[in-house]
Amino acid sequence: MVDYLRTMIKGDLDANSRIEAQLDEKGWDDFPKLLGAVFFLAVDRQFGDDASAAEIVQFVAEMRAKAPVDPAVIDANAAETLIKSALDPALDHDVESEMIGRIQTLTIMHVLGAEDVSDDDLDDVLEEAVQLVGRL
């Protein structure tokens, strides 16, 4: 599953499709946990411990504008809410699970697919996410 995320983030569509087919056969059981952990780490990388509402709104607007999909499939308010809840676990949200997956995926691609993220940086984030999931 880590290789699936790595190829998705790096834009290696052929490898990503092959890995996706393998996962379709093996199962995606732990993928939501891994995706959530990588999302949390990506949000932390982007904002650190604190972010203003304006910074989050700006980030979501930029992320949606650069999205490789129709930005309409990502609800801006839901994205802002989910990012805020990643920064402050005390916050609750009612974002639907399908939308959560879309937001998490797009956020991960936007933050970790940025030009300033090296392969080593990406590997470190993915390894940390695996460790986080192992502690759940």
N, C-alpha and C. Protein backbone atom coordinates (compact mmCIF):
# COMPACT_ATOMS: atom_id res chain seq x y z
N MET A 1 0.81 -1.20 0.00
CA MET A 1 0.00 0.00 0.00
C MET A 1 0.85 1.26 0.00
N VAL A 2 2.03 1.16 0.63
CA VAL A 2 2.94 2.30 0.62
C VAL A 2 3.39 2.60 -0.81
N ASP A 3 3.68 1.54 -1.56
CA ASP A 3 4.10 1.74 -2.95
C ASP A 3 2.97 2.35 -3.78
N TYR A 4 1.74 2.00 -3.47
CA TYR A 4 0.60 2.59 -4.16
C TYR A 4 0.59 4.10 -3.92
N LEU A 5 0.74 4.50 -2.66
CA LEU A 5 0.75 5.94 -2.34
C LEU A 5 1.95 6.63 -2.98
N ARG A 6 3.12 6.00 -2.90
CA ARG A 6 4.33 6.61 -3.46
C ARG A 6 4.15 6.86 -4.96
N THR A 7 3.66 5.86 -5.70
CA THR A 7 3.50 6.04 -7.15
C THR A 7 2.41 7.05 -7.47
N MET A 8 1.37 7.11 -6.64
CA MET A 8 0.32 8.10 -6.83
C MET A 8 0.89 9.51 -6.65
N ILE A 9 1.63 9.70 -5.58
CA ILE A 9 2.19 11.01 -5.26
C ILE A 9 3.19 11.45 -6.33
N LYS A 10 4.00 10.51 -6.81
CA LYS A 10 5.03 10.83 -7.80
C LYS A 10 4.47 10.92 -9.22
N GLY A 11 3.21 10.53 -9.40
CA GLY A 11 2.59 10.62 -10.72
C GLY A 11 2.99 9.51 -11.66
N ASP A 12 3.46 8.39 -11.13
CA ASP A 12 3.83 7.23 -11.94
C ASP A 12 2.56 6.40 -12.17
N LEU A 13 1.78 6.80 -13.15
CA LEU A 13 0.46 6.23 -13.35
C LEU A 13 0.49 4.75 -13.75
N ASP A 14 1.47 4.36 -14.56
CA ASP A 14 1.55 2.95 -14.97
C ASP A 14 1.80 2.05 -13.77
N ALA A 15 2.81 2.39 -12.98
CA ALA A 15 3.11 1.59 -11.79
C ALA A 15 1.94 1.64 -10.81
N ASN A 16 1.32 2.80 -10.68
CA ASN A 16 0.19 2.93 -9.77
C ASN A 16 -0.96 2.03 -10.19
N SER A 17 -1.24 1.96 -11.46
CA SER A 17 -2.31 1.10 -11.96
C SER A 17 -2.01 -0.38 -11.71
N ARG A 18 -0.75 -0.77 -11.90
CA ARG A 18 -0.36 -2.17 -11.63
C ARG A 18 -0.54 -2.50 -10.15
N ILE A 19 -0.09 -1.60 -9.29
CA ILE A 19 -0.21 -1.84 -7.85
C ILE A 19 -1.68 -1.84 -7.44
N GLU A 20 -2.46 -0.96 -8.03
CA GLU A 20 -3.90 -0.93 -7.72
C GLU A 20 -4.55 -2.27 -8.07
N ALA A 21 -4.19 -2.84 -9.21
CA ALA A 21 -4.75 -4.14 -9.60
C ALA A 21 -4.35 -5.22 -8.60
N GLN A 22 -3.12 -5.17 -8.12
CA GLN A 22 -2.67 -6.15 -7.12
C GLN A 22 -3.45 -5.98 -5.82
N LEU A 23 -3.67 -4.74 -5.43
CA LEU A 23 -4.42 -4.47 -4.20
C LEU A 23 -5.88 -4.87 -4.34
N ASP A 24 -6.42 -4.73 -5.54
CA ASP A 24 -7.80 -5.18 -5.77
C ASP A 24 -7.92 -6.67 -5.49
N GLU A 25 -6.88 -7.43 -5.80
CA GLU A 25 -6.89 -8.87 -5.55
C GLU A 25 -6.63 -9.19 -4.08
N LYS A 26 -5.66 -8.50 -3.48
CA LYS A 26 -5.25 -8.79 -2.10
C LYS A 26 -6.18 -8.16 -1.07
N GLY A 27 -6.70 -7.02 -1.39
CA GLY A 27 -7.58 -6.31 -0.46
C GLY A 27 -6.96 -4.99 0.02
N TRP A 28 -7.83 -4.10 0.38
CA TRP A 28 -7.46 -2.74 0.78
C TRP A 28 -7.71 -2.52 2.28
N ASP A 29 -7.75 -3.56 3.06
CA ASP A 29 -8.22 -3.49 4.45
C ASP A 29 -7.61 -2.36 5.27
N ASP A 30 -6.31 -2.22 5.26
CA ASP A 30 -5.66 -1.20 6.11
C ASP A 30 -5.44 0.13 5.39
N PHE A 31 -5.87 0.23 4.15
CA PHE A 31 -5.59 1.44 3.39
C PHE A 31 -6.18 2.70 4.02
N PRO A 32 -7.43 2.69 4.48
CA PRO A 32 -7.97 3.92 5.08
C PRO A 32 -7.13 4.42 6.26
N LYS A 33 -6.61 3.51 7.07
CA LYS A 33 -5.77 3.91 8.20
C LYS A 33 -4.47 4.55 7.70
N LEU A 34 -3.85 3.91 6.70
CA LEU A 34 -2.61 4.45 6.15
C LEU A 34 -2.84 5.80 5.49
N LEU A 35 -3.91 5.92 4.72
CA LEU A 35 -4.24 7.18 4.07
C LEU A 35 -4.45 8.28 5.11
N GLY A 36 -5.16 7.95 6.18
CA GLY A 36 -5.39 8.92 7.25
C GLY A 36 -4.10 9.35 7.92
N ALA A 37 -3.19 8.41 8.14
CA ALA A 37 -1.92 8.74 8.78
C ALA A 37 -1.07 9.63 7.87
N VAL A 38 -1.02 9.31 6.59
CA VAL A 38 -0.25 10.14 5.65
C VAL A 38 -0.89 11.52 5.54
N PHE A 39 -2.21 11.59 5.53
CA PHE A 39 -2.91 12.88 5.50
C PHE A 39 -2.52 13.72 6.72
N PHE A 40 -2.57 13.12 7.89
CA PHE A 40 -2.21 13.83 9.12
C PHE A 40 -0.79 14.39 9.01
N LEU A 41 0.15 13.56 8.54
CA LEU A 41 1.54 14.00 8.43
C LEU A 41 1.71 15.07 7.36
N ALA A 42 0.94 14.98 6.28
CA ALA A 42 1.01 16.00 5.24
C ALA A 42 0.48 17.34 5.76
N VAL A 43 -0.62 17.30 6.49
CA VAL A 43 -1.18 18.52 7.08
C VAL A 43 -0.18 19.12 8.07
N ASP A 44 0.42 18.27 8.88
CA ASP A 44 1.42 18.74 9.84
C ASP A 44 2.61 19.37 9.11
N ARG A 45 3.04 18.76 8.03
CA ARG A 45 4.16 19.30 7.25
C ARG A 45 3.79 20.67 6.66
N GLN A 46 2.56 20.79 6.20
CA GLN A 46 2.12 22.05 5.58
C GLN A 46 1.94 23.17 6.59
N PHE A 47 1.35 22.87 7.74
CA PHE A 47 0.94 23.92 8.66
C PHE A 47 1.67 23.93 9.99
N GLY A 48 2.35 22.85 10.36
CA GLY A 48 2.96 22.79 11.68
C GLY A 48 1.88 22.68 12.74
N ASP A 49 2.15 23.28 13.87
CA ASP A 49 1.22 23.17 15.00
C ASP A 49 0.05 24.13 14.92
N ASP A 50 0.15 25.12 14.06
CA ASP A 50 -0.88 26.16 14.08
C ASP A 50 -1.09 26.70 12.67
N ALA A 51 -2.30 27.02 12.37
CA ALA A 51 -2.64 27.65 11.10
C ALA A 51 -3.87 28.51 11.29
N SER A 52 -3.86 29.65 10.66
CA SER A 52 -5.04 30.51 10.74
C SER A 52 -6.10 29.98 9.78
N ALA A 53 -7.33 30.39 10.03
CA ALA A 53 -8.42 30.00 9.13
C ALA A 53 -8.14 30.49 7.71
N ALA A 54 -7.57 31.69 7.59
CA ALA A 54 -7.26 32.24 6.27
C ALA A 54 -6.21 31.40 5.55
N GLU A 55 -5.22 30.91 6.27
CA GLU A 55 -4.19 30.07 5.65
C GLU A 55 -4.79 28.76 5.14
N ILE A 56 -5.70 28.21 5.90
CA ILE A 56 -6.35 26.96 5.49
C ILE A 56 -7.23 27.20 4.27
N VAL A 57 -7.99 28.28 4.27
CA VAL A 57 -8.84 28.62 3.12
C VAL A 57 -7.98 28.80 1.87
N GLN A 58 -6.87 29.52 2.01
CA GLN A 58 -5.97 29.75 0.88
C GLN A 58 -5.38 28.44 0.37
N PHE A 59 -4.96 27.58 1.28
CA PHE A 59 -4.39 26.29 0.91
C PHE A 59 -5.42 25.46 0.13
N VAL A 60 -6.64 25.38 0.65
CA VAL A 60 -7.68 24.59 -0.01
C VAL A 60 -7.99 25.16 -1.39
N ALA A 61 -8.04 26.47 -1.51
CA ALA A 61 -8.30 27.09 -2.82
C ALA A 61 -7.19 26.74 -3.81
N GLU A 62 -5.94 26.83 -3.38
CA GLU A 62 -4.81 26.48 -4.26
C GLU A 62 -4.83 25.00 -4.61
N MET A 63 -5.11 24.17 -3.63
CA MET A 63 -5.14 22.73 -3.84
C MET A 63 -6.22 22.36 -4.87
N ARG A 64 -7.39 22.94 -4.72
CA ARG A 64 -8.48 22.65 -5.65
C ARG A 64 -8.17 23.19 -7.04
N ALA A 65 -7.52 24.36 -7.12
CA ALA A 65 -7.19 24.94 -8.42
C ALA A 65 -6.18 24.09 -9.18
N LYS A 66 -5.29 23.44 -8.46
CA LYS A 66 -4.25 22.61 -9.09
C LYS A 66 -4.63 21.14 -9.16
N ALA A 67 -5.83 20.81 -8.76
CA ALA A 67 -6.27 19.41 -8.69
C ALA A 67 -6.25 18.76 -10.07
N PRO A 68 -5.81 17.50 -10.12
CA PRO A 68 -5.84 16.77 -11.39
C PRO A 68 -7.24 16.27 -11.74
N VAL A 69 -8.20 16.59 -10.90
CA VAL A 69 -9.60 16.22 -11.13
C VAL A 69 -10.44 17.49 -11.10
N ASP A 70 -11.68 17.38 -11.49
CA ASP A 70 -12.59 18.52 -11.43
C ASP A 70 -12.68 18.98 -9.97
N PRO A 71 -12.32 20.24 -9.69
CA PRO A 71 -12.35 20.72 -8.30
C PRO A 71 -13.71 20.61 -7.64
N ALA A 72 -14.76 20.51 -8.43
CA ALA A 72 -16.11 20.41 -7.86
C ALA A 72 -16.31 19.12 -7.08
N VAL A 73 -15.46 18.11 -7.31
CA VAL A 73 -15.63 16.85 -6.57
C VAL A 73 -15.08 16.97 -5.15
N ILE A 74 -14.40 18.08 -4.86
CA ILE A 74 -13.87 18.32 -3.51
C ILE A 74 -14.62 19.50 -2.92
N ASP A 75 -15.39 19.26 -1.88
CA ASP A 75 -16.12 20.31 -1.19
C ASP A 75 -15.13 21.15 -0.38
N ALA A 76 -15.04 22.43 -0.70
CA ALA A 76 -14.06 23.31 -0.04
C ALA A 76 -14.31 23.39 1.46
N ASN A 77 -15.56 23.54 1.87
CA ASN A 77 -15.86 23.63 3.30
C ASN A 77 -15.48 22.34 4.03
N ALA A 78 -15.76 21.21 3.40
CA ALA A 78 -15.41 19.92 4.01
C ALA A 78 -13.89 19.79 4.12
N ALA A 79 -13.17 20.23 3.09
CA ALA A 79 -11.71 20.15 3.12
C ALA A 79 -11.15 21.02 4.24
N GLU A 80 -11.67 22.22 4.37
CA GLU A 80 -11.21 23.11 5.44
C GLU A 80 -11.50 22.49 6.81
N THR A 81 -12.68 21.93 6.96
CA THR A 81 -13.07 21.30 8.22
C THR A 81 -12.17 20.12 8.55
N LEU A 82 -11.90 19.27 7.56
CA LEU A 82 -11.07 18.09 7.79
C LEU A 82 -9.63 18.48 8.15
N ILE A 83 -9.10 19.49 7.49
CA ILE A 83 -7.75 19.96 7.80
C ILE A 83 -7.72 20.54 9.21
N LYS A 84 -8.72 21.33 9.57
CA LYS A 84 -8.78 21.88 10.93
C LYS A 84 -8.84 20.77 11.96
N SER A 85 -9.58 19.71 11.67
CA SER A 85 -9.68 18.61 12.64
C SER A 85 -8.39 17.81 12.73
N ALA A 86 -7.59 17.81 11.66
CA ALA A 86 -6.27 17.16 11.73
C ALA A 86 -5.32 17.98 12.60
N LEU A 87 -5.47 19.29 12.54
CA LEU A 87 -4.63 20.17 13.35
C LEU A 87 -5.07 20.21 14.81
N ASP A 88 -6.35 20.01 15.04
CA ASP A 88 -6.91 20.03 16.39
C ASP A 88 -7.85 18.84 16.56
N PRO A 89 -7.33 17.71 17.07
CA PRO A 89 -8.14 16.50 17.20
C PRO A 89 -9.38 16.67 18.09
N ALA A 90 -9.44 17.74 18.86
CA ALA A 90 -10.62 17.98 19.70
C ALA A 90 -11.82 18.42 18.86
N LEU A 91 -11.55 18.88 17.64
CA LEU A 91 -12.64 19.31 16.76
C LEU A 91 -13.30 18.09 16.14
N ASP A 92 -14.61 18.15 16.06
CA ASP A 92 -15.37 17.06 15.45
C ASP A 92 -15.80 17.50 14.06
N HIS A 93 -16.08 16.54 13.21
CA HIS A 93 -16.58 16.86 11.87
C HIS A 93 -17.61 15.82 11.45
N ASP A 94 -18.39 16.19 10.46
CA ASP A 94 -19.40 15.27 9.93
C ASP A 94 -19.22 15.07 8.43
N VAL A 95 -17.97 15.08 8.00
CA VAL A 95 -17.66 14.90 6.58
C VAL A 95 -17.88 13.43 6.22
N GLU A 96 -18.56 13.20 5.11
CA GLU A 96 -18.86 11.84 4.66
C GLU A 96 -17.58 11.10 4.29
N SER A 97 -17.57 9.79 4.50
CA SER A 97 -16.34 9.00 4.31
C SER A 97 -15.80 9.07 2.89
N GLU A 98 -16.67 9.08 1.89
CA GLU A 98 -16.18 9.18 0.50
C GLU A 98 -15.48 10.51 0.27
N MET A 99 -16.05 11.59 0.81
CA MET A 99 -15.43 12.91 0.67
C MET A 99 -14.12 12.96 1.45
N ILE A 100 -14.08 12.32 2.61
CA ILE A 100 -12.84 12.28 3.39
C ILE A 100 -11.72 11.68 2.56
N GLY A 101 -12.00 10.56 1.90
CA GLY A 101 -10.98 9.92 1.07
C GLY A 101 -10.49 10.82 -0.05
N ARG A 102 -11.41 11.52 -0.68
CA ARG A 102 -11.03 12.46 -1.76
C ARG A 102 -10.15 13.58 -1.23
N ILE A 103 -10.57 14.16 -0.12
CA ILE A 103 -9.83 15.28 0.47
C ILE A 103 -8.45 14.81 0.92
N GLN A 104 -8.40 13.68 1.60
CA GLN A 104 -7.11 13.17 2.06
C GLN A 104 -6.17 12.92 0.89
N THR A 105 -6.68 12.28 -0.14
CA THR A 105 -5.85 11.97 -1.31
C THR A 105 -5.34 13.24 -1.97
N LEU A 106 -6.21 14.19 -2.20
CA LEU A 106 -5.80 15.42 -2.87
C LEU A 106 -4.81 16.22 -2.01
N THR A 107 -5.04 16.27 -0.71
CA THR A 107 -4.13 16.97 0.18
C THR A 107 -2.75 16.33 0.15
N ILE A 108 -2.71 15.01 0.23
CA ILE A 108 -1.45 14.28 0.20
C ILE A 108 -0.71 14.57 -1.10
N MET A 109 -1.41 14.49 -2.22
CA MET A 109 -0.77 14.74 -3.51
C MET A 109 -0.26 16.17 -3.61
N HIS A 110 -1.02 17.11 -3.09
CA HIS A 110 -0.64 18.52 -3.18
C HIS A 110 0.58 18.83 -2.31
N VAL A 111 0.59 18.32 -1.10
CA VAL A 111 1.69 18.62 -0.17
C VAL A 111 2.93 17.79 -0.48
N LEU A 112 2.75 16.49 -0.58
CA LEU A 112 3.91 15.60 -0.73
C LEU A 112 4.37 15.47 -2.18
N GLY A 113 3.54 15.90 -3.11
CA GLY A 113 3.94 15.89 -4.52
C GLY A 113 4.59 17.19 -4.95
N ALA A 114 4.77 18.12 -4.02
CA ALA A 114 5.39 19.41 -4.34
C ALA A 114 6.85 19.21 -4.73
N GLU A 115 7.34 20.14 -5.53
CA GLU A 115 8.71 20.05 -6.04
C GLU A 115 9.75 20.02 -4.94
N ASP A 116 9.49 20.65 -3.80
CA ASP A 116 10.49 20.73 -2.74
C ASP A 116 10.52 19.48 -1.86
N VAL A 117 9.71 18.48 -2.16
CA VAL A 117 9.69 17.24 -1.39
C VAL A 117 10.57 16.22 -2.12
N SER A 118 11.68 15.87 -1.50
CA SER A 118 12.60 14.90 -2.11
C SER A 118 12.06 13.48 -1.95
N ASP A 119 12.65 12.57 -2.69
CA ASP A 119 12.27 11.16 -2.55
C ASP A 119 12.54 10.68 -1.13
N ASP A 120 13.66 11.12 -0.55
CA ASP A 120 13.98 10.74 0.83
C ASP A 120 12.95 11.30 1.81
N ASP A 121 12.53 12.55 1.60
CA ASP A 121 11.50 13.15 2.46
C ASP A 121 10.20 12.34 2.36
N LEU A 122 9.83 11.99 1.14
CA LEU A 122 8.61 11.22 0.93
C LEU A 122 8.71 9.87 1.62
N ASP A 123 9.84 9.21 1.45
CA ASP A 123 10.04 7.91 2.11
C ASP A 123 9.93 8.03 3.62
N ASP A 124 10.50 9.10 4.18
CA ASP A 124 10.43 9.31 5.63
C ASP A 124 8.99 9.48 6.10
N VAL A 125 8.21 10.26 5.36
CA VAL A 125 6.81 10.48 5.73
C VAL A 125 6.03 9.17 5.65
N LEU A 126 6.24 8.42 4.58
CA LEU A 126 5.52 7.16 4.42
C LEU A 126 5.91 6.16 5.50
N GLU A 127 7.19 6.12 5.85
CA GLU A 127 7.63 5.21 6.92
C GLU A 127 7.03 5.62 8.26
N GLU A 128 6.99 6.92 8.53
CA GLU A 128 6.38 7.39 9.77
C GLU A 128 4.89 7.03 9.81
N ALA A 129 4.22 7.13 8.68
CA ALA A 129 2.80 6.78 8.62
C ALA A 129 2.60 5.29 8.91
N VAL A 130 3.47 4.45 8.37
CA VAL A 130 3.38 3.01 8.64
C VAL A 130 3.55 2.75 10.13
N GLN A 131 4.49 3.46 10.75
CA GLN A 131 4.70 3.30 12.19
C GLN A 131 3.47 3.77 12.98
N LEU A 132 2.88 4.88 12.57
CA LEU A 132 1.67 5.36 13.24
C LEU A 132 0.54 4.34 13.14
N VAL A 133 0.34 3.80 11.97
CA VAL A 133 -0.72 2.81 11.77
C VAL A 133 -0.46 1.58 12.62
N GLY A 134 0.80 1.20 12.76
CA GLY A 134 1.15 0.05 13.58
C GLY A 134 0.84 0.24 15.04
N ARG A 135 0.76 1.50 15.48
CA ARG A 135 0.45 1.80 16.88
C ARG A 135 -1.04 1.87 17.15
N LEU A 136 -1.84 1.88 16.11
CA LEU A 136 -3.30 2.01 16.29
C LEU A 136 -3.91 0.72 16.78
